[in-house]
C-alpha atoms as a PDB file:
ATOM      1  CA  UNK A   1       5.679 -33.437   0.352  1.00  0.00           C
ATOM      2  CA  UNK A   2       4.614 -36.890  -0.773  1.00  0.00           C
ATOM      3  CA  UNK A   3       1.824 -37.097   1.831  1.00  0.00           C
ATOM      4  CA  UNK A   4       0.624 -33.629   0.765  1.00  0.00           C
ATOM      5  CA  UNK A   5       0.291 -34.821  -2.849  1.00  0.00           C
ATOM      6  CA  UNK A   6      -1.530 -37.953  -1.744  1.00  0.00           C
ATOM      7  CA  UNK A   7      -3.972 -35.822   0.241  1.00  0.00           C
ATOM      8  CA  UNK A   8      -4.640 -33.663  -2.814  1.00  0.00           C
ATOM      9  CA  UNK A   9      -5.319 -36.733  -4.942  1.00  0.00           C
ATOM     10  CA  UNK A  10      -7.984 -37.921  -2.504  1.00  0.00           C
ATOM     11  CA  UNK A  11      -9.723 -34.517  -2.415  1.00  0.00           C
ATOM     12  CA  UNK A  12     -12.207 -33.621  -5.080  1.00  0.00           C
ATOM     13  CA  UNK A  13     -12.007 -30.411  -7.090  1.00  0.00           C
ATOM     14  CA  UNK A  14     -14.596 -28.608  -4.964  1.00  0.00           C
ATOM     15  CA  UNK A  15     -12.651 -29.314  -1.772  1.00  0.00           C
ATOM     16  CA  UNK A  16      -9.405 -28.147  -3.360  1.00  0.00           C
ATOM     17  CA  UNK A  17     -10.991 -24.900  -4.561  1.00  0.00           C
ATOM     18  CA  UNK A  18     -12.518 -24.358  -1.123  1.00  0.00           C
ATOM     19  CA  UNK A  19      -9.116 -24.803   0.531  1.00  0.00           C
ATOM     20  CA  UNK A  20      -7.470 -22.424  -1.964  1.00  0.00           C
ATOM     21  CA  UNK A  21     -10.127 -19.757  -1.387  1.00  0.00           C
ATOM     22  CA  UNK A  22      -9.743 -20.085   2.375  1.00  0.00           C
ATOM     23  CA  UNK A  23      -5.974 -19.647   2.062  1.00  0.00           C
ATOM     24  CA  UNK A  24      -6.409 -16.613  -0.211  1.00  0.00           C
ATOM     25  CA  UNK A  25      -8.738 -15.093   2.367  1.00  0.00           C
ATOM     26  CA  UNK A  26      -6.177 -15.637   5.153  1.00  0.00           C
ATOM     27  CA  UNK A  27      -3.428 -14.101   3.017  1.00  0.00           C
ATOM     28  CA  UNK A  28      -5.574 -11.059   2.185  1.00  0.00           C
ATOM     29  CA  UNK A  29      -6.276 -10.532   5.884  1.00  0.00           C
ATOM     30  CA  UNK A  30      -2.572 -10.766   6.686  1.00  0.00           C
ATOM     31  CA  UNK A  31      -1.772  -8.299   3.904  1.00  0.00           C
ATOM     32  CA  UNK A  32      -4.421  -5.877   5.156  1.00  0.00           C
ATOM     33  CA  UNK A  33      -2.926  -6.012   8.648  1.00  0.00           C
ATOM     34  CA  UNK A  34       0.583  -5.394   7.324  1.00  0.00           C
ATOM     35  CA  UNK A  35      -0.384  -2.529   5.018  1.00  0.00           C
ATOM     36  CA  UNK A  36      -2.765  -0.909   7.483  1.00  0.00           C
ATOM     37  CA  UNK A  37      -5.811  -1.219   5.256  1.00  0.00           C
ATOM     38  CA  UNK A  38      -8.949  -3.218   5.782  1.00  0.00           C
ATOM     39  CA  UNK A  39     -11.296  -4.676   3.220  1.00  0.00           C
ATOM     40  CA  UNK A  40     -14.217  -4.747   5.636  1.00  0.00           C
ATOM     41  CA  UNK A  41     -15.499  -2.507   8.368  1.00  0.00           C
ATOM     42  CA  UNK A  42     -13.137  -0.046   9.950  1.00  0.00           C
ATOM     43  CA  UNK A  43     -11.503  -1.318  13.092  1.00  0.00           C
ATOM     44  CA  UNK A  44     -10.352   2.018  14.445  1.00  0.00           C
ATOM     45  CA  UNK A  45      -7.136   1.993  12.459  1.00  0.00           C
ATOM     46  CA  UNK A  46      -5.355   5.015  11.130  1.00  0.00           C
ATOM     47  CA  UNK A  47      -7.243   8.241  10.773  1.00  0.00           C
ATOM     48  CA  UNK A  48      -7.296  10.007   7.431  1.00  0.00           C
ATOM     49  CA  UNK A  49      -4.338  12.312   6.929  1.00  0.00           C
ATOM     50  CA  UNK A  50      -5.170  15.922   7.518  1.00  0.00           C
ATOM     51  CA  UNK A  51      -4.550  18.095   4.485  1.00  0.00           C
ATOM     52  CA  UNK A  52      -2.843  21.376   5.142  1.00  0.00           C
ATOM     53  CA  UNK A  53      -3.212  24.378   2.906  1.00  0.00           C
ATOM     54  CA  UNK A  54      -0.401  26.837   2.466  1.00  0.00           C
ATOM     55  CA  UNK A  55      -0.924  30.539   2.479  1.00  0.00           C
ATOM     56  CA  UNK A  56      -0.112  32.499  -0.664  1.00  0.00           C
ATOM     57  CA  UNK A  57       2.866  33.969   1.179  1.00  0.00           C
ATOM     58  CA  UNK A  58       4.244  30.530   2.049  1.00  0.00           C
ATOM     59  CA  UNK A  59       3.769  29.285  -1.517  1.00  0.00           C
ATOM     60  CA  UNK A  60       5.640  32.329  -2.828  1.00  0.00           C
ATOM     61  CA  UNK A  61       8.553  31.693  -0.442  1.00  0.00           C
ATOM     62  CA  UNK A  62       8.769  28.083  -1.604  1.00  0.00           C
ATOM     63  CA  UNK A  63       8.590  29.149  -5.260  1.00  0.00           C
ATOM     64  CA  UNK A  64      11.308  31.763  -4.739  1.00  0.00           C
ATOM     65  CA  UNK A  65      13.569  29.197  -3.075  1.00  0.00           C
ATOM     66  CA  UNK A  66      13.031  26.786  -5.974  1.00  0.00           C
ATOM     67  CA  UNK A  67      13.776  29.483  -8.548  1.00  0.00           C
ATOM     68  CA  UNK A  68      16.992  30.232  -6.632  1.00  0.00           C
ATOM     69  CA  UNK A  69      17.982  26.531  -6.765  1.00  0.00           C
ATOM     70  CA  UNK A  70      17.232  26.396 -10.502  1.00  0.00           C
ATOM     71  CA  UNK A  71      19.309  29.516 -11.127  1.00  0.00           C
ATOM     72  CA  UNK A  72      22.225  28.006  -9.183  1.00  0.00           C
ATOM     73  CA  UNK A  73      22.015  24.780 -11.232  1.00  0.00           C
ATOM     74  CA  UNK A  74      21.843  26.738 -14.460  1.00  0.00           C
ATOM     75  CA  UNK A  75      24.857  28.840 -13.452  1.00  0.00           C
ATOM     76  CA  UNK A  76      26.880  25.722 -12.503  1.00  0.00           C
ATOM     77  CA  UNK A  77      25.997  24.041 -15.800  1.00  0.00           C
ATOM     78  CA  UNK A  78      27.700  26.808 -17.821  1.00  0.00           C
END
């Protein structure tokens, strides 16, 4: 640690800021790789998720099932 501090003392402010910016850039690249996003051009990563639409019939079935669950909760609460 002592040699690291001595190195920093010999560097001027511009060099220190340059080193910090380079490290930030490396960390952002690592984060982008880990999260699956990229800040630059696409590199053939994940495709956009396909959005599915439900039919009116399917939505009604889901709504009916939810109403049934709510009714059961309401009945158990009494």
